Amino acid sequence: MVSNHMCCGIVKETLMLRVGPDNYDKCLARKYASEMDFTGKALKGMIYVSPKGIESDSSLANWLDIAIGFVESLPPKKRK
């Protein structure tokens, strides 16, 4: 969570990221990225990155920078 917004997580061994609709297609074009279909339906703005895509610290940091950048652009959300 970043500023009370979902940002990223791990599903089994796969990284899940909230990249937003504007970054979605660009991120999906990258190697090791795929649509997040946790519910059986693709969620636009959410992606999976396979373990091979985050093997290095720099790769993981790059993916997290995209997700954190998107989430920090959202309006503040009150805590429940």
N, C-alpha and C. Protein backbone atom coordinates (compact mmCIF):
# COMPACT_ATOMS: atom_id res chain seq x y z
N MET A 1 0.84 -1.17 0.00
CA MET A 1 0.00 0.00 0.00
C MET A 1 0.89 1.25 0.00
N VAL A 2 0.49 2.23 -0.78
CA VAL A 2 1.16 3.52 -0.82
C VAL A 2 0.07 4.57 -0.68
N SER A 3 0.14 5.38 0.36
CA SER A 3 -0.87 6.41 0.62
C SER A 3 -2.27 5.82 0.61
N ASN A 4 -2.41 4.63 1.19
CA ASN A 4 -3.68 3.91 1.30
C ASN A 4 -4.23 3.42 -0.03
N HIS A 5 -3.41 3.38 -1.07
CA HIS A 5 -3.79 2.83 -2.37
C HIS A 5 -3.02 1.53 -2.61
N MET A 6 -3.69 0.54 -3.21
CA MET A 6 -3.01 -0.68 -3.60
C MET A 6 -1.96 -0.34 -4.63
N CYS A 7 -0.75 -0.86 -4.43
CA CYS A 7 0.36 -0.56 -5.34
C CYS A 7 0.93 -1.83 -5.95
N CYS A 8 1.27 -2.79 -5.10
CA CYS A 8 1.91 -4.01 -5.59
C CYS A 8 1.73 -5.13 -4.57
N GLY A 9 2.06 -6.32 -5.01
CA GLY A 9 1.99 -7.47 -4.12
C GLY A 9 2.58 -8.68 -4.80
N ILE A 10 2.57 -9.78 -4.08
CA ILE A 10 3.07 -11.04 -4.62
C ILE A 10 1.92 -12.04 -4.62
N VAL A 11 1.70 -12.68 -5.76
CA VAL A 11 0.71 -13.74 -5.90
C VAL A 11 1.51 -15.00 -6.24
N LYS A 12 1.60 -15.90 -5.27
CA LYS A 12 2.48 -17.07 -5.37
C LYS A 12 3.90 -16.56 -5.55
N GLU A 13 4.51 -16.70 -6.73
CA GLU A 13 5.87 -16.20 -6.96
C GLU A 13 5.90 -15.05 -7.96
N THR A 14 4.72 -14.55 -8.32
CA THR A 14 4.59 -13.54 -9.37
C THR A 14 4.33 -12.17 -8.76
N LEU A 15 5.02 -11.16 -9.27
CA LEU A 15 4.80 -9.79 -8.83
C LEU A 15 3.55 -9.23 -9.48
N MET A 16 2.69 -8.62 -8.70
CA MET A 16 1.49 -7.95 -9.20
C MET A 16 1.71 -6.46 -9.00
N LEU A 17 1.45 -5.67 -10.05
CA LEU A 17 1.68 -4.23 -9.99
C LEU A 17 0.46 -3.46 -10.49
N ARG A 18 0.21 -2.35 -9.86
CA ARG A 18 -0.80 -1.41 -10.35
C ARG A 18 -0.05 -0.34 -11.12
N VAL A 19 -0.11 -0.41 -12.44
CA VAL A 19 0.65 0.52 -13.28
C VAL A 19 -0.20 1.63 -13.88
N GLY A 20 -1.51 1.49 -13.80
CA GLY A 20 -2.43 2.50 -14.32
C GLY A 20 -2.72 2.31 -15.79
N PRO A 21 -3.82 2.88 -16.26
CA PRO A 21 -4.24 2.70 -17.66
C PRO A 21 -3.28 3.30 -18.69
N ASP A 22 -2.61 4.39 -18.36
CA ASP A 22 -1.71 5.02 -19.32
C ASP A 22 -0.41 4.23 -19.52
N ASN A 23 0.02 3.51 -18.52
CA ASN A 23 1.24 2.69 -18.60
C ASN A 23 0.97 1.25 -19.01
N TYR A 24 -0.29 0.87 -19.03
CA TYR A 24 -0.69 -0.54 -19.18
C TYR A 24 -0.11 -1.19 -20.43
N ASP A 25 -0.40 -0.67 -21.60
CA ASP A 25 0.06 -1.29 -22.85
C ASP A 25 1.59 -1.29 -22.96
N LYS A 26 2.22 -0.20 -22.54
CA LYS A 26 3.68 -0.11 -22.58
C LYS A 26 4.30 -1.18 -21.67
N CYS A 27 3.74 -1.37 -20.50
CA CYS A 27 4.26 -2.37 -19.58
C CYS A 27 4.02 -3.79 -20.11
N LEU A 28 2.86 -4.02 -20.68
CA LEU A 28 2.56 -5.35 -21.23
C LEU A 28 3.48 -5.72 -22.38
N ALA A 29 4.01 -4.73 -23.08
CA ALA A 29 4.92 -4.99 -24.20
C ALA A 29 6.30 -5.44 -23.71
N ARG A 30 6.58 -5.26 -22.44
CA ARG A 30 7.88 -5.63 -21.89
C ARG A 30 7.94 -7.14 -21.63
N LYS A 31 9.12 -7.67 -21.76
CA LYS A 31 9.36 -9.09 -21.52
C LYS A 31 8.98 -9.43 -20.07
N TYR A 32 8.37 -10.57 -19.88
CA TYR A 32 7.97 -11.15 -18.60
C TYR A 32 6.71 -10.54 -17.99
N ALA A 33 6.09 -9.56 -18.66
CA ALA A 33 4.86 -8.97 -18.15
C ALA A 33 3.66 -9.62 -18.81
N SER A 34 2.56 -9.70 -18.07
CA SER A 34 1.31 -10.24 -18.62
C SER A 34 0.13 -9.59 -17.93
N GLU A 35 -1.04 -9.75 -18.54
CA GLU A 35 -2.26 -9.19 -17.95
C GLU A 35 -2.53 -9.83 -16.60
N MET A 36 -3.00 -9.04 -15.67
CA MET A 36 -3.44 -9.59 -14.39
C MET A 36 -4.86 -10.07 -14.59
N ASP A 37 -5.06 -11.35 -14.43
CA ASP A 37 -6.39 -11.92 -14.61
C ASP A 37 -6.80 -12.73 -13.38
N PHE A 38 -6.53 -12.18 -12.24
CA PHE A 38 -6.78 -12.84 -10.95
C PHE A 38 -8.23 -13.29 -10.82
N THR A 39 -9.15 -12.51 -11.35
CA THR A 39 -10.58 -12.83 -11.25
C THR A 39 -11.07 -13.61 -12.47
N GLY A 40 -10.18 -13.93 -13.40
CA GLY A 40 -10.57 -14.60 -14.64
C GLY A 40 -10.80 -13.60 -15.77
N LYS A 41 -10.75 -12.32 -15.44
CA LYS A 41 -10.93 -11.25 -16.42
C LYS A 41 -9.77 -10.28 -16.25
N ALA A 42 -9.16 -9.86 -17.36
CA ALA A 42 -8.03 -8.93 -17.28
C ALA A 42 -8.46 -7.62 -16.62
N LEU A 43 -7.64 -7.14 -15.72
CA LEU A 43 -7.89 -5.87 -15.04
C LEU A 43 -6.97 -4.82 -15.64
N LYS A 44 -7.52 -3.93 -16.45
CA LYS A 44 -6.71 -2.91 -17.11
C LYS A 44 -6.06 -2.01 -16.06
N GLY A 45 -4.77 -1.85 -16.19
CA GLY A 45 -4.02 -1.05 -15.24
C GLY A 45 -3.29 -1.89 -14.21
N MET A 46 -3.55 -3.21 -14.23
CA MET A 46 -2.89 -4.13 -13.31
C MET A 46 -2.17 -5.19 -14.14
N ILE A 47 -0.93 -5.51 -13.76
CA ILE A 47 -0.17 -6.51 -14.50
C ILE A 47 0.51 -7.49 -13.56
N TYR A 48 0.93 -8.60 -14.14
CA TYR A 48 1.81 -9.56 -13.47
C TYR A 48 3.18 -9.45 -14.11
N VAL A 49 4.21 -9.67 -13.31
CA VAL A 49 5.57 -9.80 -13.82
C VAL A 49 6.10 -11.13 -13.27
N SER A 50 6.52 -12.00 -14.17
CA SER A 50 7.00 -13.32 -13.76
C SER A 50 8.30 -13.20 -12.97
N PRO A 51 8.64 -14.22 -12.20
CA PRO A 51 9.87 -14.17 -11.40
C PRO A 51 11.13 -13.84 -12.22
N LYS A 52 11.21 -14.30 -13.44
CA LYS A 52 12.40 -13.99 -14.27
C LYS A 52 12.52 -12.49 -14.53
N GLY A 53 11.41 -11.78 -14.52
CA GLY A 53 11.42 -10.35 -14.78
C GLY A 53 11.87 -9.50 -13.61
N ILE A 54 12.06 -10.13 -12.45
CA ILE A 54 12.48 -9.39 -11.26
C ILE A 54 13.68 -10.05 -10.59
N GLU A 55 14.47 -10.78 -11.38
CA GLU A 55 15.63 -11.48 -10.81
C GLU A 55 16.69 -10.53 -10.28
N SER A 56 16.88 -9.40 -10.92
CA SER A 56 17.90 -8.45 -10.44
C SER A 56 17.22 -7.35 -9.62
N ASP A 57 17.99 -6.78 -8.72
CA ASP A 57 17.47 -5.66 -7.91
C ASP A 57 17.07 -4.50 -8.79
N SER A 58 17.83 -4.25 -9.85
CA SER A 58 17.51 -3.11 -10.72
C SER A 58 16.23 -3.34 -11.49
N SER A 59 15.97 -4.57 -11.91
CA SER A 59 14.71 -4.87 -12.61
C SER A 59 13.53 -4.69 -11.67
N LEU A 60 13.65 -5.22 -10.47
CA LEU A 60 12.57 -5.07 -9.49
C LEU A 60 12.34 -3.59 -9.19
N ALA A 61 13.40 -2.84 -8.99
CA ALA A 61 13.27 -1.41 -8.69
C ALA A 61 12.60 -0.66 -9.83
N ASN A 62 12.93 -1.01 -11.06
CA ASN A 62 12.32 -0.36 -12.22
C ASN A 62 10.81 -0.59 -12.24
N TRP A 63 10.40 -1.83 -12.04
CA TRP A 63 8.96 -2.13 -12.01
C TRP A 63 8.27 -1.40 -10.85
N LEU A 64 8.89 -1.41 -9.69
CA LEU A 64 8.28 -0.73 -8.54
C LEU A 64 8.20 0.78 -8.75
N ASP A 65 9.18 1.36 -9.41
CA ASP A 65 9.13 2.80 -9.71
C ASP A 65 7.91 3.15 -10.55
N ILE A 66 7.58 2.30 -11.51
CA ILE A 66 6.41 2.54 -12.35
C ILE A 66 5.14 2.50 -11.51
N ALA A 67 5.00 1.47 -10.68
CA ALA A 67 3.79 1.32 -9.87
C ALA A 67 3.68 2.44 -8.84
N ILE A 68 4.76 2.73 -8.15
CA ILE A 68 4.73 3.78 -7.13
C ILE A 68 4.46 5.14 -7.78
N GLY A 69 5.05 5.40 -8.93
CA GLY A 69 4.79 6.65 -9.64
C GLY A 69 3.32 6.82 -9.98
N PHE A 70 2.69 5.73 -10.43
CA PHE A 70 1.26 5.82 -10.74
C PHE A 70 0.45 6.06 -9.47
N VAL A 71 0.68 5.28 -8.45
CA VAL A 71 -0.13 5.38 -7.23
C VAL A 71 0.05 6.74 -6.57
N GLU A 72 1.26 7.27 -6.61
CA GLU A 72 1.47 8.60 -6.00
C GLU A 72 0.78 9.70 -6.80
N SER A 73 0.38 9.44 -8.03
CA SER A 73 -0.34 10.44 -8.83
C SER A 73 -1.83 10.48 -8.50
N LEU A 74 -2.31 9.50 -7.75
CA LEU A 74 -3.73 9.44 -7.41
C LEU A 74 -4.05 10.40 -6.28
N PRO A 75 -5.29 10.85 -6.20
CA PRO A 75 -5.68 11.74 -5.10
C PRO A 75 -5.58 11.00 -3.76
N PRO A 76 -5.34 11.72 -2.68
CA PRO A 76 -5.25 11.08 -1.36
C PRO A 76 -6.53 10.30 -1.05
N LYS A 77 -6.33 9.24 -0.32
CA LYS A 77 -7.45 8.38 0.08
C LYS A 77 -7.47 8.32 1.60
N LYS A 78 -8.63 8.48 2.18
CA LYS A 78 -8.75 8.43 3.63
C LYS A 78 -8.65 7.00 4.12
N ARG A 79 -8.06 6.84 5.29
CA ARG A 79 -7.99 5.51 5.91
C ARG A 79 -9.38 5.09 6.36
N LYS A 80 -9.62 3.81 6.29
CA LYS A 80 -10.91 3.28 6.76
C LYS A 80 -10.83 2.95 8.23
